[in-house]
Amino acid sequence: MRVHVRLFAGLNRYVTNKPSGIPFDAELPDGATVEALIRHLGLPPDEVRVVFVNGRAQPLNFALTEGDEVGIFPPIGGG
């Protein structure tokens, strides 16, 4: 299955040379989870804080489906 991915706040450096937030497609086996996508992309698990699927925050064990739009964010600090 194919999902549409956007990486934010520097996570793109692990996968693509595109600027942060530019979408790209990832091909995964049917029934893959958010956690499987993170592993597939080679993202360090400790650098992933929040994952949105179709605009809603989801846990790592959430099962993805064809065409899902996934946004992955690292921890972000500010003040």
N, C-alpha and C. Protein backbone atom coordinates (compact mmCIF):
# COMPACT_ATOMS: atom_id res chain seq x y z
N MET A 1 0.84 -1.17 0.00
CA MET A 1 0.00 0.00 0.00
C MET A 1 0.89 1.24 0.00
N ARG A 2 0.34 2.31 -0.46
CA ARG A 2 1.07 3.57 -0.53
C ARG A 2 0.44 4.59 0.43
N VAL A 3 1.30 5.24 1.23
CA VAL A 3 0.84 6.33 2.10
C VAL A 3 1.63 7.58 1.75
N HIS A 4 1.05 8.73 2.05
CA HIS A 4 1.67 10.02 1.76
C HIS A 4 2.25 10.56 3.06
N VAL A 5 3.53 10.88 3.05
CA VAL A 5 4.25 11.23 4.28
C VAL A 5 4.79 12.66 4.20
N ARG A 6 4.71 13.35 5.33
CA ARG A 6 5.36 14.65 5.50
C ARG A 6 6.17 14.58 6.78
N LEU A 7 7.43 14.95 6.68
CA LEU A 7 8.31 14.99 7.85
C LEU A 7 8.57 16.44 8.21
N PHE A 8 8.56 16.76 9.49
CA PHE A 8 8.67 18.14 9.93
C PHE A 8 9.85 18.35 10.87
N ALA A 9 10.27 19.63 10.96
CA ALA A 9 11.28 20.10 11.92
C ALA A 9 12.58 19.31 11.87
N GLY A 10 13.07 19.07 10.67
CA GLY A 10 14.38 18.44 10.51
C GLY A 10 14.37 16.94 10.33
N LEU A 11 13.25 16.27 10.53
CA LEU A 11 13.23 14.81 10.34
C LEU A 11 13.48 14.42 8.89
N ASN A 12 13.24 15.34 7.97
CA ASN A 12 13.45 15.06 6.56
C ASN A 12 14.90 14.70 6.25
N ARG A 13 15.84 15.11 7.09
CA ARG A 13 17.26 14.83 6.82
C ARG A 13 17.56 13.33 6.81
N TYR A 14 16.70 12.53 7.43
CA TYR A 14 16.92 11.09 7.46
C TYR A 14 16.44 10.39 6.19
N VAL A 15 15.60 11.05 5.41
CA VAL A 15 14.94 10.35 4.31
C VAL A 15 15.16 11.01 2.95
N THR A 16 15.03 12.31 2.88
CA THR A 16 15.01 12.98 1.60
C THR A 16 15.73 14.32 1.70
N ASN A 17 16.13 14.84 0.58
CA ASN A 17 16.76 16.15 0.55
C ASN A 17 15.74 17.27 0.37
N LYS A 18 14.48 16.92 0.35
CA LYS A 18 13.43 17.92 0.18
C LYS A 18 13.28 18.75 1.46
N PRO A 19 12.79 19.98 1.32
CA PRO A 19 12.54 20.80 2.52
C PRO A 19 11.51 20.14 3.44
N SER A 20 11.56 20.52 4.69
CA SER A 20 10.62 20.02 5.69
C SER A 20 9.18 20.26 5.25
N GLY A 21 8.34 19.24 5.44
CA GLY A 21 6.91 19.37 5.14
C GLY A 21 6.51 19.05 3.71
N ILE A 22 7.47 18.82 2.82
CA ILE A 22 7.14 18.47 1.43
C ILE A 22 6.75 16.99 1.40
N PRO A 23 5.57 16.68 0.86
CA PRO A 23 5.11 15.28 0.88
C PRO A 23 5.87 14.38 -0.08
N PHE A 24 5.94 13.12 0.31
CA PHE A 24 6.47 12.06 -0.56
C PHE A 24 5.70 10.79 -0.23
N ASP A 25 5.76 9.82 -1.13
CA ASP A 25 5.05 8.56 -0.93
C ASP A 25 5.97 7.49 -0.36
N ALA A 26 5.41 6.63 0.46
CA ALA A 26 6.12 5.47 1.00
C ALA A 26 5.28 4.24 0.70
N GLU A 27 5.93 3.19 0.28
CA GLU A 27 5.28 1.91 -0.05
C GLU A 27 5.50 0.95 1.12
N LEU A 28 4.40 0.43 1.67
CA LEU A 28 4.45 -0.47 2.83
C LEU A 28 3.56 -1.68 2.59
N PRO A 29 3.78 -2.77 3.32
CA PRO A 29 2.88 -3.92 3.22
C PRO A 29 1.51 -3.55 3.79
N ASP A 30 0.47 -4.18 3.29
CA ASP A 30 -0.87 -3.96 3.82
C ASP A 30 -0.88 -4.23 5.33
N GLY A 31 -1.60 -3.39 6.06
CA GLY A 31 -1.73 -3.55 7.50
C GLY A 31 -0.57 -3.01 8.30
N ALA A 32 0.39 -2.33 7.65
CA ALA A 32 1.54 -1.77 8.37
C ALA A 32 1.06 -0.72 9.37
N THR A 33 1.79 -0.59 10.44
CA THR A 33 1.46 0.36 11.50
C THR A 33 2.31 1.62 11.35
N VAL A 34 1.96 2.62 12.15
CA VAL A 34 2.76 3.84 12.22
C VAL A 34 4.20 3.49 12.60
N GLU A 35 4.36 2.60 13.57
CA GLU A 35 5.70 2.19 14.00
C GLU A 35 6.48 1.55 12.85
N ALA A 36 5.82 0.72 12.05
CA ALA A 36 6.48 0.09 10.90
C ALA A 36 6.91 1.15 9.89
N LEU A 37 6.11 2.19 9.70
CA LEU A 37 6.48 3.27 8.79
C LEU A 37 7.72 3.99 9.31
N ILE A 38 7.77 4.27 10.59
CA ILE A 38 8.93 4.95 11.18
C ILE A 38 10.19 4.11 10.96
N ARG A 39 10.10 2.80 11.19
CA ARG A 39 11.25 1.91 10.94
C ARG A 39 11.62 1.89 9.47
N HIS A 40 10.61 1.80 8.60
CA HIS A 40 10.83 1.76 7.14
C HIS A 40 11.58 3.01 6.67
N LEU A 41 11.26 4.15 7.25
CA LEU A 41 11.89 5.41 6.86
C LEU A 41 13.27 5.60 7.50
N GLY A 42 13.61 4.76 8.47
CA GLY A 42 14.90 4.87 9.14
C GLY A 42 14.97 6.03 10.12
N LEU A 43 13.83 6.43 10.65
CA LEU A 43 13.81 7.52 11.62
C LEU A 43 14.18 6.98 13.00
N PRO A 44 15.04 7.68 13.74
CA PRO A 44 15.33 7.25 15.11
C PRO A 44 14.06 7.37 15.96
N PRO A 45 13.61 6.29 16.58
CA PRO A 45 12.37 6.33 17.35
C PRO A 45 12.34 7.41 18.42
N ASP A 46 13.50 7.71 19.02
CA ASP A 46 13.53 8.72 20.07
C ASP A 46 13.40 10.15 19.52
N GLU A 47 13.43 10.30 18.20
CA GLU A 47 13.25 11.62 17.60
C GLU A 47 11.83 11.82 17.05
N VAL A 48 10.96 10.85 17.25
CA VAL A 48 9.57 10.99 16.83
C VAL A 48 8.72 11.23 18.07
N ARG A 49 8.00 12.35 18.07
CA ARG A 49 7.17 12.68 19.23
C ARG A 49 5.69 12.49 18.97
N VAL A 50 5.24 12.94 17.80
CA VAL A 50 3.81 12.88 17.49
C VAL A 50 3.63 12.52 16.03
N VAL A 51 2.63 11.68 15.78
CA VAL A 51 2.30 11.28 14.40
C VAL A 51 0.82 11.54 14.17
N PHE A 52 0.54 12.27 13.11
CA PHE A 52 -0.83 12.53 12.70
C PHE A 52 -1.14 11.70 11.47
N VAL A 53 -2.28 11.04 11.48
CA VAL A 53 -2.77 10.30 10.31
C VAL A 53 -4.10 10.93 9.93
N ASN A 54 -4.14 11.45 8.73
CA ASN A 54 -5.34 12.14 8.24
C ASN A 54 -5.82 13.21 9.22
N GLY A 55 -4.84 13.95 9.79
CA GLY A 55 -5.16 15.07 10.64
C GLY A 55 -5.44 14.76 12.10
N ARG A 56 -5.29 13.49 12.50
CA ARG A 56 -5.57 13.11 13.90
C ARG A 56 -4.36 12.41 14.49
N ALA A 57 -4.00 12.79 15.71
CA ALA A 57 -2.88 12.13 16.40
C ALA A 57 -3.21 10.66 16.61
N GLN A 58 -2.22 9.81 16.32
CA GLN A 58 -2.43 8.36 16.44
C GLN A 58 -1.25 7.71 17.17
N PRO A 59 -1.50 6.59 17.85
CA PRO A 59 -0.43 5.86 18.53
C PRO A 59 0.42 5.06 17.54
N LEU A 60 1.55 4.58 18.01
CA LEU A 60 2.46 3.81 17.15
C LEU A 60 1.84 2.54 16.60
N ASN A 61 0.88 1.95 17.31
CA ASN A 61 0.28 0.69 16.85
C ASN A 61 -0.91 0.90 15.91
N PHE A 62 -1.16 2.15 15.51
CA PHE A 62 -2.27 2.45 14.60
C PHE A 62 -1.99 1.84 13.23
N ALA A 63 -2.95 1.09 12.68
CA ALA A 63 -2.80 0.46 11.37
C ALA A 63 -3.13 1.46 10.25
N LEU A 64 -2.19 1.61 9.35
CA LEU A 64 -2.36 2.51 8.21
C LEU A 64 -3.14 1.82 7.10
N THR A 65 -3.77 2.63 6.25
CA THR A 65 -4.47 2.10 5.09
C THR A 65 -4.05 2.88 3.85
N GLU A 66 -4.31 2.31 2.70
CA GLU A 66 -3.96 2.91 1.41
C GLU A 66 -4.40 4.37 1.35
N GLY A 67 -3.45 5.24 0.97
CA GLY A 67 -3.77 6.65 0.76
C GLY A 67 -3.76 7.52 2.00
N ASP A 68 -3.47 6.94 3.17
CA ASP A 68 -3.42 7.77 4.37
C ASP A 68 -2.37 8.87 4.21
N GLU A 69 -2.66 10.02 4.84
CA GLU A 69 -1.70 11.12 4.89
C GLU A 69 -1.13 11.18 6.29
N VAL A 70 0.19 11.03 6.38
CA VAL A 70 0.88 10.90 7.66
C VAL A 70 1.84 12.06 7.85
N GLY A 71 1.72 12.76 8.97
CA GLY A 71 2.67 13.81 9.35
C GLY A 71 3.41 13.37 10.58
N ILE A 72 4.75 13.46 10.53
CA ILE A 72 5.58 13.00 11.64
C ILE A 72 6.39 14.17 12.16
N PHE A 73 6.31 14.38 13.49
CA PHE A 73 6.95 15.51 14.15
C PHE A 73 7.89 15.05 15.24
N PRO A 74 9.04 15.71 15.39
CA PRO A 74 9.92 15.44 16.53
C PRO A 74 9.48 16.24 17.74
N PRO A 75 10.12 16.01 18.90
CA PRO A 75 9.83 16.88 20.04
C PRO A 75 10.23 18.31 19.67
N ILE A 76 9.41 19.25 20.04
CA ILE A 76 9.70 20.65 19.71
C ILE A 76 9.62 21.46 21.00
N GLY A 77 10.66 22.21 21.26
CA GLY A 77 10.66 23.06 22.45
C GLY A 77 10.52 24.52 22.06
N GLY A 78 10.20 25.29 22.98
CA GLY A 78 10.09 26.72 22.71
C GLY A 78 9.83 27.45 24.01
N GLY A 79 9.73 28.73 23.87
CA GLY A 79 9.48 29.45 25.09
C GLY A 79 9.22 30.90 24.87
